[in-house]
Amino acid sequence: TFKELLEKHPVDMHLSTSLKKVCPD
C-alpha cells in the first residue's frame, strides 16, 4: 500500500539520516 502511495504522490524521503536537533519550526 505504501509503495503504491509513494509511486503516485511525491514524498521527500531521506534514509540513513539521523535527527540531531529539534527547533520550534
mmCIF file of all heavy atoms, coordinates in Angstrom:
data_MODEL
# 
_entry.id   MODEL 
# 
loop_
_atom_site.group_PDB 
_atom_site.id 
_atom_site.type_symbol 
_atom_site.label_atom_id 
_atom_site.label_alt_id 
_atom_site.label_comp_id 
_atom_site.label_asym_id 
_atom_site.label_entity_id 
_atom_site.label_seq_id 
_atom_site.pdbx_PDB_ins_code 
_atom_site.Cartn_x 
_atom_site.Cartn_y 
_atom_site.Cartn_z 
_atom_site.occupancy 
_atom_site.B_iso_or_equiv 
_atom_site.pdbx_formal_charge 
_atom_site.auth_seq_id 
_atom_site.auth_comp_id 
_atom_site.auth_asym_id 
_atom_site.auth_atom_id 
_atom_site.pdbx_PDB_model_num 
ATOM 1   N N   . THR A 1 1  ? 0.831  -1.204 0.000  1.00 0.00 ? 1  THR A N   1 
ATOM 2   C CA  . THR A 1 1  ? 0.000  0.000  0.000  1.00 0.00 ? 1  THR A CA  1 
ATOM 3   C C   . THR A 1 1  ? 0.861  1.247  0.000  1.00 0.00 ? 1  THR A C   1 
ATOM 4   O O   . THR A 1 1  ? 0.634  2.193  -0.785 1.00 0.00 ? 1  THR A O   1 
ATOM 5   C CB  . THR A 1 1  ? -0.919 0.007  1.233  1.00 0.00 ? 1  THR A CB  1 
ATOM 6   O OG1 . THR A 1 1  ? -1.766 -1.139 1.204  1.00 0.00 ? 1  THR A OG1 1 
ATOM 7   C CG2 . THR A 1 1  ? -1.780 1.261  1.271  1.00 0.00 ? 1  THR A CG2 1 
ATOM 8   N N   . PHE A 1 2  ? 1.876  1.276  0.869  1.00 0.00 ? 2  PHE A N   1 
ATOM 9   C CA  . PHE A 1 2  ? 2.753  2.445  0.948  1.00 0.00 ? 2  PHE A CA  1 
ATOM 10  C C   . PHE A 1 2  ? 3.569  2.609  -0.336 1.00 0.00 ? 2  PHE A C   1 
ATOM 11  O O   . PHE A 1 2  ? 3.800  3.731  -0.788 1.00 0.00 ? 2  PHE A O   1 
ATOM 12  C CB  . PHE A 1 2  ? 3.680  2.332  2.161  1.00 0.00 ? 2  PHE A CB  1 
ATOM 13  C CG  . PHE A 1 2  ? 2.966  2.391  3.488  1.00 0.00 ? 2  PHE A CG  1 
ATOM 14  C CD1 . PHE A 1 2  ? 3.287  1.508  4.507  1.00 0.00 ? 2  PHE A CD1 1 
ATOM 15  C CD2 . PHE A 1 2  ? 1.977  3.327  3.708  1.00 0.00 ? 2  PHE A CD2 1 
ATOM 16  C CE1 . PHE A 1 2  ? 2.633  1.561  5.726  1.00 0.00 ? 2  PHE A CE1 1 
ATOM 17  C CE2 . PHE A 1 2  ? 1.310  3.395  4.935  1.00 0.00 ? 2  PHE A CE2 1 
ATOM 18  C CZ  . PHE A 1 2  ? 1.643  2.505  5.941  1.00 0.00 ? 2  PHE A CZ  1 
ATOM 19  N N   . LYS A 1 3  ? 3.999  1.488  -0.908 1.00 0.00 ? 3  LYS A N   1 
ATOM 20  C CA  . LYS A 1 3  ? 4.759  1.555  -2.157 1.00 0.00 ? 3  LYS A CA  1 
ATOM 21  C C   . LYS A 1 3  ? 3.912  2.188  -3.255 1.00 0.00 ? 3  LYS A C   1 
ATOM 22  O O   . LYS A 1 3  ? 4.390  3.064  -4.005 1.00 0.00 ? 3  LYS A O   1 
ATOM 23  C CB  . LYS A 1 3  ? 5.213  0.153  -2.572 1.00 0.00 ? 3  LYS A CB  1 
ATOM 24  C CG  . LYS A 1 3  ? 6.029  0.132  -3.851 1.00 0.00 ? 3  LYS A CG  1 
ATOM 25  C CD  . LYS A 1 3  ? 6.442  -1.290 -4.235 1.00 0.00 ? 3  LYS A CD  1 
ATOM 26  C CE  . LYS A 1 3  ? 7.220  -1.313 -5.535 1.00 0.00 ? 3  LYS A CE  1 
ATOM 27  N NZ  . LYS A 1 3  ? 7.577  -2.703 -5.950 1.00 0.00 ? 3  LYS A NZ  1 
ATOM 28  N N   . GLU A 1 4  ? 2.662  1.763  -3.364 1.00 0.00 ? 4  GLU A N   1 
ATOM 29  C CA  . GLU A 1 4  ? 1.761  2.344  -4.362 1.00 0.00 ? 4  GLU A CA  1 
ATOM 30  C C   . GLU A 1 4  ? 1.548  3.830  -4.106 1.00 0.00 ? 4  GLU A C   1 
ATOM 31  O O   . GLU A 1 4  ? 1.552  4.654  -5.037 1.00 0.00 ? 4  GLU A O   1 
ATOM 32  C CB  . GLU A 1 4  ? 0.423  1.609  -4.336 1.00 0.00 ? 4  GLU A CB  1 
ATOM 33  C CG  . GLU A 1 4  ? -0.581 2.150  -5.333 1.00 0.00 ? 4  GLU A CG  1 
ATOM 34  C CD  . GLU A 1 4  ? -1.968 1.547  -5.151 1.00 0.00 ? 4  GLU A CD  1 
ATOM 35  O OE1 . GLU A 1 4  ? -2.345 1.226  -3.997 1.00 0.00 ? 4  GLU A OE1 1 
ATOM 36  O OE2 . GLU A 1 4  ? -2.678 1.421  -6.156 1.00 0.00 ? 4  GLU A OE2 1 
ATOM 37  N N   . LEU A 1 5  ? 1.374  4.195  -2.837 1.00 0.00 ? 5  LEU A N   1 
ATOM 38  C CA  . LEU A 1 5  ? 1.152  5.593  -2.483 1.00 0.00 ? 5  LEU A CA  1 
ATOM 39  C C   . LEU A 1 5  ? 2.346  6.455  -2.875 1.00 0.00 ? 5  LEU A C   1 
ATOM 40  O O   . LEU A 1 5  ? 2.192  7.547  -3.436 1.00 0.00 ? 5  LEU A O   1 
ATOM 41  C CB  . LEU A 1 5  ? 0.899  5.698  -0.975 1.00 0.00 ? 5  LEU A CB  1 
ATOM 42  C CG  . LEU A 1 5  ? 0.540  7.079  -0.422 1.00 0.00 ? 5  LEU A CG  1 
ATOM 43  C CD1 . LEU A 1 5  ? -0.834 7.505  -0.924 1.00 0.00 ? 5  LEU A CD1 1 
ATOM 44  C CD2 . LEU A 1 5  ? 0.552  7.067  1.102  1.00 0.00 ? 5  LEU A CD2 1 
ATOM 45  N N   . LEU A 1 6  ? 3.559  5.950  -2.615 1.00 0.00 ? 6  LEU A N   1 
ATOM 46  C CA  . LEU A 1 6  ? 4.768  6.706  -2.930 1.00 0.00 ? 6  LEU A CA  1 
ATOM 47  C C   . LEU A 1 6  ? 4.992  6.827  -4.431 1.00 0.00 ? 6  LEU A C   1 
ATOM 48  O O   . LEU A 1 6  ? 5.623  7.776  -4.902 1.00 0.00 ? 6  LEU A O   1 
ATOM 49  C CB  . LEU A 1 6  ? 5.977  6.043  -2.259 1.00 0.00 ? 6  LEU A CB  1 
ATOM 50  C CG  . LEU A 1 6  ? 6.006  6.135  -0.732 1.00 0.00 ? 6  LEU A CG  1 
ATOM 51  C CD1 . LEU A 1 6  ? 7.107  5.257  -0.163 1.00 0.00 ? 6  LEU A CD1 1 
ATOM 52  C CD2 . LEU A 1 6  ? 6.182  7.581  -0.277 1.00 0.00 ? 6  LEU A CD2 1 
ATOM 53  N N   . GLU A 1 7  ? 4.474  5.859  -5.188 1.00 0.00 ? 7  GLU A N   1 
ATOM 54  C CA  . GLU A 1 7  ? 4.585  5.943  -6.646 1.00 0.00 ? 7  GLU A CA  1 
ATOM 55  C C   . GLU A 1 7  ? 3.641  6.994  -7.217 1.00 0.00 ? 7  GLU A C   1 
ATOM 56  O O   . GLU A 1 7  ? 3.930  7.608  -8.249 1.00 0.00 ? 7  GLU A O   1 
ATOM 57  C CB  . GLU A 1 7  ? 4.287  4.578  -7.267 1.00 0.00 ? 7  GLU A CB  1 
ATOM 58  C CG  . GLU A 1 7  ? 5.382  3.545  -7.031 1.00 0.00 ? 7  GLU A CG  1 
ATOM 59  C CD  . GLU A 1 7  ? 4.975  2.147  -7.477 1.00 0.00 ? 7  GLU A CD  1 
ATOM 60  O OE1 . GLU A 1 7  ? 3.774  1.952  -7.791 1.00 0.00 ? 7  GLU A OE1 1 
ATOM 61  O OE2 . GLU A 1 7  ? 5.838  1.248  -7.501 1.00 0.00 ? 7  GLU A OE2 1 
ATOM 62  N N   . LYS A 1 8  ? 2.527  7.221  -6.545 1.00 0.00 ? 8  LYS A N   1 
ATOM 63  C CA  . LYS A 1 8  ? 1.514  8.152  -7.051 1.00 0.00 ? 8  LYS A CA  1 
ATOM 64  C C   . LYS A 1 8  ? 1.679  9.569  -6.514 1.00 0.00 ? 8  LYS A C   1 
ATOM 65  O O   . LYS A 1 8  ? 1.243  10.533 -7.143 1.00 0.00 ? 8  LYS A O   1 
ATOM 66  C CB  . LYS A 1 8  ? 0.111  7.642  -6.693 1.00 0.00 ? 8  LYS A CB  1 
ATOM 67  C CG  . LYS A 1 8  ? -0.299 6.375  -7.424 1.00 0.00 ? 8  LYS A CG  1 
ATOM 68  C CD  . LYS A 1 8  ? -1.702 5.951  -7.021 1.00 0.00 ? 8  LYS A CD  1 
ATOM 69  C CE  . LYS A 1 8  ? -2.160 4.721  -7.805 1.00 0.00 ? 8  LYS A CE  1 
ATOM 70  N NZ  . LYS A 1 8  ? -3.538 4.304  -7.414 1.00 0.00 ? 8  LYS A NZ  1 
ATOM 71  N N   . HIS A 1 9  ? 2.282  9.709  -5.339 1.00 0.00 ? 9  HIS A N   1 
ATOM 72  C CA  . HIS A 1 9  ? 2.376  11.014 -4.690 1.00 0.00 ? 9  HIS A CA  1 
ATOM 73  C C   . HIS A 1 9  ? 3.829  11.302 -4.320 1.00 0.00 ? 9  HIS A C   1 
ATOM 74  O O   . HIS A 1 9  ? 4.515  10.436 -3.767 1.00 0.00 ? 9  HIS A O   1 
ATOM 75  C CB  . HIS A 1 9  ? 1.516  11.063 -3.439 1.00 0.00 ? 9  HIS A CB  1 
ATOM 76  C CG  . HIS A 1 9  ? 0.054  10.811 -3.686 1.00 0.00 ? 9  HIS A CG  1 
ATOM 77  N ND1 . HIS A 1 9  ? -0.809 11.784 -4.108 1.00 0.00 ? 9  HIS A ND1 1 
ATOM 78  C CD2 . HIS A 1 9  ? -0.678 9.669  -3.586 1.00 0.00 ? 9  HIS A CD2 1 
ATOM 79  C CE1 . HIS A 1 9  ? -2.020 11.272 -4.252 1.00 0.00 ? 9  HIS A CE1 1 
ATOM 80  N NE2 . HIS A 1 9  ? -1.968 9.990  -3.944 1.00 0.00 ? 9  HIS A NE2 1 
ATOM 81  N N   . PRO A 1 10 ? 4.306  12.495 -4.578 1.00 0.00 ? 10 PRO A N   1 
ATOM 82  C CA  . PRO A 1 10 ? 5.697  12.823 -4.236 1.00 0.00 ? 10 PRO A CA  1 
ATOM 83  C C   . PRO A 1 10 ? 5.884  12.977 -2.722 1.00 0.00 ? 10 PRO A C   1 
ATOM 84  O O   . PRO A 1 10 ? 5.195  13.762 -2.071 1.00 0.00 ? 10 PRO A O   1 
ATOM 85  C CB  . PRO A 1 10 ? 5.925  14.160 -4.956 1.00 0.00 ? 10 PRO A CB  1 
ATOM 86  C CG  . PRO A 1 10 ? 4.556  14.766 -5.093 1.00 0.00 ? 10 PRO A CG  1 
ATOM 87  C CD  . PRO A 1 10 ? 3.610  13.619 -5.248 1.00 0.00 ? 10 PRO A CD  1 
ATOM 88  N N   . VAL A 1 11 ? 6.801  12.208 -2.164 1.00 0.00 ? 11 VAL A N   1 
ATOM 89  C CA  . VAL A 1 11 ? 7.186  12.319 -0.766 1.00 0.00 ? 11 VAL A CA  1 
ATOM 90  C C   . VAL A 1 11 ? 8.708  12.403 -0.732 1.00 0.00 ? 11 VAL A C   1 
ATOM 91  O O   . VAL A 1 11 ? 9.403  11.582 -1.336 1.00 0.00 ? 11 VAL A O   1 
ATOM 92  C CB  . VAL A 1 11 ? 6.693  11.115 0.068  1.00 0.00 ? 11 VAL A CB  1 
ATOM 93  C CG1 . VAL A 1 11 ? 7.278  11.155 1.473  1.00 0.00 ? 11 VAL A CG1 1 
ATOM 94  C CG2 . VAL A 1 11 ? 5.169  11.110 0.143  1.00 0.00 ? 11 VAL A CG2 1 
ATOM 95  N N   . ASP A 1 12 ? 9.212  13.401 -0.041 1.00 0.00 ? 12 ASP A N   1 
ATOM 96  C CA  . ASP A 1 12 ? 10.660 13.603 0.046  1.00 0.00 ? 12 ASP A CA  1 
ATOM 97  C C   . ASP A 1 12 ? 11.217 12.688 1.137  1.00 0.00 ? 12 ASP A C   1 
ATOM 98  O O   . ASP A 1 12 ? 11.058 12.956 2.324  1.00 0.00 ? 12 ASP A O   1 
ATOM 99  C CB  . ASP A 1 12 ? 10.938 15.075 0.365  1.00 0.00 ? 12 ASP A CB  1 
ATOM 100 C CG  . ASP A 1 12 ? 12.396 15.446 0.167  1.00 0.00 ? 12 ASP A CG  1 
ATOM 101 O OD1 . ASP A 1 12 ? 13.135 14.628 -0.402 1.00 0.00 ? 12 ASP A OD1 1 
ATOM 102 O OD2 . ASP A 1 12 ? 12.783 16.552 0.600  1.00 0.00 ? 12 ASP A OD2 1 
ATOM 103 N N   . MET A 1 13 ? 11.850 11.586 0.734  1.00 0.00 ? 13 MET A N   1 
ATOM 104 C CA  . MET A 1 13 ? 12.307 10.558 1.662  1.00 0.00 ? 13 MET A CA  1 
ATOM 105 C C   . MET A 1 13 ? 13.821 10.663 1.872  1.00 0.00 ? 13 MET A C   1 
ATOM 106 O O   . MET A 1 13 ? 14.592 10.646 0.910  1.00 0.00 ? 13 MET A O   1 
ATOM 107 C CB  . MET A 1 13 ? 11.945 9.177  1.105  1.00 0.00 ? 13 MET A CB  1 
ATOM 108 C CG  . MET A 1 13 ? 12.186 8.025  2.059  1.00 0.00 ? 13 MET A CG  1 
ATOM 109 S SD  . MET A 1 13 ? 10.856 7.801  3.250  1.00 0.00 ? 13 MET A SD  1 
ATOM 110 C CE  . MET A 1 13 ? 9.535  7.204  2.204  1.00 0.00 ? 13 MET A CE  1 
ATOM 111 N N   . HIS A 1 14 ? 14.218 10.746 3.149  1.00 0.00 ? 14 HIS A N   1 
ATOM 112 C CA  . HIS A 1 14 ? 15.640 10.829 3.492  1.00 0.00 ? 14 HIS A CA  1 
ATOM 113 C C   . HIS A 1 14 ? 15.993 9.653  4.400  1.00 0.00 ? 14 HIS A C   1 
ATOM 114 O O   . HIS A 1 14 ? 15.703 9.667  5.597  1.00 0.00 ? 14 HIS A O   1 
ATOM 115 C CB  . HIS A 1 14 ? 15.950 12.160 4.188  1.00 0.00 ? 14 HIS A CB  1 
ATOM 116 C CG  . HIS A 1 14 ? 15.722 13.352 3.329  1.00 0.00 ? 14 HIS A CG  1 
ATOM 117 N ND1 . HIS A 1 14 ? 16.715 13.947 2.580  1.00 0.00 ? 14 HIS A ND1 1 
ATOM 118 C CD2 . HIS A 1 14 ? 14.584 14.055 3.064  1.00 0.00 ? 14 HIS A CD2 1 
ATOM 119 C CE1 . HIS A 1 14 ? 16.221 14.971 1.907  1.00 0.00 ? 14 HIS A CE1 1 
ATOM 120 N NE2 . HIS A 1 14 ? 14.929 15.063 2.184  1.00 0.00 ? 14 HIS A NE2 1 
ATOM 121 N N   . LEU A 1 15 ? 16.619 8.621  3.824  1.00 0.00 ? 15 LEU A N   1 
ATOM 122 C CA  . LEU A 1 15 ? 17.014 7.436  4.581  1.00 0.00 ? 15 LEU A CA  1 
ATOM 123 C C   . LEU A 1 15 ? 18.456 7.588  5.068  1.00 0.00 ? 15 LEU A C   1 
ATOM 124 O O   . LEU A 1 15 ? 19.196 8.465  4.600  1.00 0.00 ? 15 LEU A O   1 
ATOM 125 C CB  . LEU A 1 15 ? 16.864 6.192  3.713  1.00 0.00 ? 15 LEU A CB  1 
ATOM 126 C CG  . LEU A 1 15 ? 15.459 5.932  3.155  1.00 0.00 ? 15 LEU A CG  1 
ATOM 127 C CD1 . LEU A 1 15 ? 15.462 4.707  2.244  1.00 0.00 ? 15 LEU A CD1 1 
ATOM 128 C CD2 . LEU A 1 15 ? 14.432 5.773  4.268  1.00 0.00 ? 15 LEU A CD2 1 
ATOM 129 N N   . SER A 1 16 ? 18.839 6.729  6.023  1.00 0.00 ? 16 SER A N   1 
ATOM 130 C CA  . SER A 1 16 ? 20.184 6.792  6.631  1.00 0.00 ? 16 SER A CA  1 
ATOM 131 C C   . SER A 1 16 ? 20.481 8.205  7.129  1.00 0.00 ? 16 SER A C   1 
ATOM 132 O O   . SER A 1 16 ? 21.601 8.712  7.024  1.00 0.00 ? 16 SER A O   1 
ATOM 133 C CB  . SER A 1 16 ? 21.248 6.343  5.621  1.00 0.00 ? 16 SER A CB  1 
ATOM 134 O OG  . SER A 1 16 ? 21.027 5.019  5.201  1.00 0.00 ? 16 SER A OG  1 
ATOM 135 N N   . THR A 1 17 ? 19.459 8.837  7.676  1.00 0.00 ? 17 THR A N   1 
ATOM 136 C CA  . THR A 1 17 ? 19.557 10.225 8.140  1.00 0.00 ? 17 THR A CA  1 
ATOM 137 C C   . THR A 1 17 ? 19.127 10.297 9.601  1.00 0.00 ? 17 THR A C   1 
ATOM 138 O O   . THR A 1 17 ? 18.044 9.830  9.952  1.00 0.00 ? 17 THR A O   1 
ATOM 139 C CB  . THR A 1 17 ? 18.680 11.146 7.269  1.00 0.00 ? 17 THR A CB  1 
ATOM 140 O OG1 . THR A 1 17 ? 19.078 11.015 5.905  1.00 0.00 ? 17 THR A OG1 1 
ATOM 141 C CG2 . THR A 1 17 ? 18.804 12.588 7.703  1.00 0.00 ? 17 THR A CG2 1 
ATOM 142 N N   . SER A 1 18 ? 19.971 10.872 10.453 1.00 0.00 ? 18 SER A N   1 
ATOM 143 C CA  . SER A 1 18 ? 19.731 10.866 11.904 1.00 0.00 ? 18 SER A CA  1 
ATOM 144 C C   . SER A 1 18 ? 19.357 12.247 12.417 1.00 0.00 ? 18 SER A C   1 
ATOM 145 O O   . SER A 1 18 ? 19.987 13.255 12.062 1.00 0.00 ? 18 SER A O   1 
ATOM 146 C CB  . SER A 1 18 ? 20.988 10.389 12.641 1.00 0.00 ? 18 SER A CB  1 
ATOM 147 O OG  . SER A 1 18 ? 21.347 9.082  12.239 1.00 0.00 ? 18 SER A OG  1 
ATOM 148 N N   . LEU A 1 19 ? 18.338 12.290 13.255 1.00 0.00 ? 19 LEU A N   1 
ATOM 149 C CA  . LEU A 1 19 ? 17.919 13.540 13.888 1.00 0.00 ? 19 LEU A CA  1 
ATOM 150 C C   . LEU A 1 19 ? 18.974 13.988 14.899 1.00 0.00 ? 19 LEU A C   1 
ATOM 151 O O   . LEU A 1 19 ? 19.402 13.203 15.743 1.00 0.00 ? 19 LEU A O   1 
ATOM 152 C CB  . LEU A 1 19 ? 16.574 13.334 14.577 1.00 0.00 ? 19 LEU A CB  1 
ATOM 153 C CG  . LEU A 1 19 ? 15.983 14.545 15.304 1.00 0.00 ? 19 LEU A CG  1 
ATOM 154 C CD1 . LEU A 1 19 ? 15.628 15.646 14.301 1.00 0.00 ? 19 LEU A CD1 1 
ATOM 155 C CD2 . LEU A 1 19 ? 14.749 14.136 16.112 1.00 0.00 ? 19 LEU A CD2 1 
ATOM 156 N N   . LYS A 1 20 ? 19.352 15.249 14.819 1.00 0.00 ? 20 LYS A N   1 
ATOM 157 C CA  . LYS A 1 20 ? 20.387 15.776 15.707 1.00 0.00 ? 20 LYS A CA  1 
ATOM 158 C C   . LYS A 1 20 ? 19.879 16.873 16.640 1.00 0.00 ? 20 LYS A C   1 
ATOM 159 O O   . LYS A 1 20 ? 20.370 17.024 17.755 1.00 0.00 ? 20 LYS A O   1 
ATOM 160 C CB  . LYS A 1 20 ? 21.563 16.323 14.884 1.00 0.00 ? 20 LYS A CB  1 
ATOM 161 C CG  . LYS A 1 20 ? 22.298 15.270 14.054 1.00 0.00 ? 20 LYS A CG  1 
ATOM 162 C CD  . LYS A 1 20 ? 22.903 14.183 14.944 1.00 0.00 ? 20 LYS A CD  1 
ATOM 163 C CE  . LYS A 1 20 ? 23.665 13.159 14.136 1.00 0.00 ? 20 LYS A CE  1 
ATOM 164 N NZ  . LYS A 1 20 ? 24.199 12.064 14.979 1.00 0.00 ? 20 LYS A NZ  1 
ATOM 165 N N   . LYS A 1 21 ? 18.914 17.646 16.178 1.00 0.00 ? 21 LYS A N   1 
ATOM 166 C CA  . LYS A 1 21 ? 18.412 18.761 16.987 1.00 0.00 ? 21 LYS A CA  1 
ATOM 167 C C   . LYS A 1 21 ? 16.981 19.088 16.592 1.00 0.00 ? 21 LYS A C   1 
ATOM 168 O O   . LYS A 1 21 ? 16.613 18.998 15.414 1.00 0.00 ? 21 LYS A O   1 
ATOM 169 C CB  . LYS A 1 21 ? 19.302 19.991 16.795 1.00 0.00 ? 21 LYS A CB  1 
ATOM 170 C CG  . LYS A 1 21 ? 18.931 21.178 17.680 1.00 0.00 ? 21 LYS A CG  1 
ATOM 171 C CD  . LYS A 1 21 ? 19.907 22.328 17.480 1.00 0.00 ? 21 LYS A CD  1 
ATOM 172 C CE  . LYS A 1 21 ? 19.531 23.533 18.338 1.00 0.00 ? 21 LYS A CE  1 
ATOM 173 N NZ  . LYS A 1 21 ? 20.475 24.670 18.150 1.00 0.00 ? 21 LYS A NZ  1 
ATOM 174 N N   . VAL A 1 22 ? 16.188 19.469 17.586 1.00 0.00 ? 22 VAL A N   1 
ATOM 175 C CA  . VAL A 1 22 ? 14.788 19.840 17.358 1.00 0.00 ? 22 VAL A CA  1 
ATOM 176 C C   . VAL A 1 22 ? 14.610 21.311 17.706 1.00 0.00 ? 22 VAL A C   1 
ATOM 177 O O   . VAL A 1 22 ? 14.912 21.739 18.826 1.00 0.00 ? 22 VAL A O   1 
ATOM 178 C CB  . VAL A 1 22 ? 13.847 18.971 18.204 1.00 0.00 ? 22 VAL A CB  1 
ATOM 179 C CG1 . VAL A 1 22 ? 12.394 19.430 18.032 1.00 0.00 ? 22 VAL A CG1 1 
ATOM 180 C CG2 . VAL A 1 22 ? 13.987 17.507 17.826 1.00 0.00 ? 22 VAL A CG2 1 
ATOM 181 N N   . CYS A 1 23 ? 14.125 22.092 16.752 1.00 0.00 ? 23 CYS A N   1 
ATOM 182 C CA  . CYS A 1 23 ? 13.834 23.510 16.949 1.00 0.00 ? 23 CYS A CA  1 
ATOM 183 C C   . CYS A 1 23 ? 12.327 23.721 16.789 1.00 0.00 ? 23 CYS A C   1 
ATOM 184 O O   . CYS A 1 23 ? 11.630 22.863 16.245 1.00 0.00 ? 23 CYS A O   1 
ATOM 185 C CB  . CYS A 1 23 ? 14.605 24.356 15.942 1.00 0.00 ? 23 CYS A CB  1 
ATOM 186 S SG  . CYS A 1 23 ? 16.398 24.099 15.977 1.00 0.00 ? 23 CYS A SG  1 
ATOM 187 N N   . PRO A 1 24 ? 11.802 24.854 17.244 1.00 0.00 ? 24 PRO A N   1 
ATOM 188 C CA  . PRO A 1 24 ? 10.350 25.055 17.174 1.00 0.00 ? 24 PRO A CA  1 
ATOM 189 C C   . PRO A 1 24 ? 9.761  24.954 15.776 1.00 0.00 ? 24 PRO A C   1 
ATOM 190 O O   . PRO A 1 24 ? 8.606  24.565 15.616 1.00 0.00 ? 24 PRO A O   1 
ATOM 191 C CB  . PRO A 1 24 ? 10.171 26.475 17.743 1.00 0.00 ? 24 PRO A CB  1 
ATOM 192 C CG  . PRO A 1 24 ? 11.342 26.648 18.654 1.00 0.00 ? 24 PRO A CG  1 
ATOM 193 C CD  . PRO A 1 24 ? 12.478 25.937 17.976 1.00 0.00 ? 24 PRO A CD  1 
ATOM 194 N N   . ASP A 1 25 ? 10.543 25.295 14.748 1.00 0.00 ? 25 ASP A N   1 
ATOM 195 C CA  . ASP A 1 25 ? 9.992  25.300 13.388 1.00 0.00 ? 25 ASP A CA  1 
ATOM 196 C C   . ASP A 1 25 ? 10.827 24.496 12.390 1.00 0.00 ? 25 ASP A C   1 
ATOM 197 O O   . ASP A 1 25 ? 10.619 24.587 11.184 1.00 0.00 ? 25 ASP A O   1 
ATOM 198 C CB  . ASP A 1 25 ? 9.862  26.736 12.885 1.00 0.00 ? 25 ASP A CB  1 
ATOM 199 C CG  . ASP A 1 25 ? 11.201 27.477 12.891 1.00 0.00 ? 25 ASP A CG  1 
ATOM 200 O OD1 . ASP A 1 25 ? 12.199 26.898 13.390 1.00 0.00 ? 25 ASP A OD1 1 
ATOM 201 O OD2 . ASP A 1 25 ? 11.241 28.626 12.416 1.00 0.00 ? 25 ASP A OD2 1 
# 
